[in-house]
């Protein structure tokens, strides 16, 4: 399986927290277009993309050893998170909404028989999409707002160990933010019970969208103590989640964070149209060759030699007809001559 963690905070910064030796990110301040973030995810997984990505931040790396999974966590409502200094960060230009649907389609096309784990989740919108082995692994995962609220008040929830500081467990906005952190914890916990999935040969995909911090900022203000505490709690939770997933996949993971204040609304419609056009070509979105069939050589030889045989037969028959003596070789003339003689 294949794991690479993307944290997409819709805003100004794209940070790489962890990456294996097979994936090389160069240290620099090269801006990355927001709409090309899915292409970065695809390239780190070893997939091809329609348009070449001329972004110097991503080097070629080891083509024969690719990460086992990709996780993209989109955090909305903050332009920058105070992440560990050891990571590499790049500015984002043209911060538009993006989707990993094209990456999921590529995984389905190339690894359909191995049923890889594909999980796309937006808790605040109650939007969930699970395919393959994710249905069995995350069948107990809380996905609706009611389930998330109930999950928080169970004995083994993060409320028992997380320092809330100025946040309150009696406020709906605070609970929404905390419930998203609970989802991160539960994903790593559930996956740890199925560690064999992190060792198979099919790549896995995790795409998560978190909007709780944005709601906290709207409710209390971005200068409030609640927002500052929530930001710090989010950073700690994301780092812990990244480390857990990185370890579950035996260090073969890319951990990234996209930090953006808000989507670039004037380009939202354009971006959606691009996504829709790519989704309409789900049969072959990357213009890949059709899967090789082992009967191809057999069918090819049958058709080839049959055509050669027919061509030779046509040549021989045409040659004989061209050089035929009608008075001697034609049965019509011979039968006619015998009938005349009998008369």
Foldseek 3Di string as FASTA:
>chain_A
DFAAAAAAEQAWKKKWDAADQQWAFDADAFADEQQCPLVVVQQLQLHDAQDDDPTNRTDNGHNVDHGQEYAHEYEEAFHDAPADPPMGMYTYDQRADYDNVVVVLVLCQPPVVVFAWEWAAEQVVLDIDTTGPVCVLCVVQDRYPVSLLVQCPDPPFCVVPDDQVPADNVDPLSSLLRSLLRNLVVVLVSCVVVLVSLVDDGHHYHYHYGYSLNSVCVVQNCPDPNSVSSSVSVNVSLVVSVVSVCVSNPNSYIHMHHHRNDHPVVCHVVSVVVVVVLVVPSVCSNPDDHDDDPCVVVVVVVVVVVVVVVVVVVVVVVVCVVPDDCCPPPPVNVVVVVVVVVD
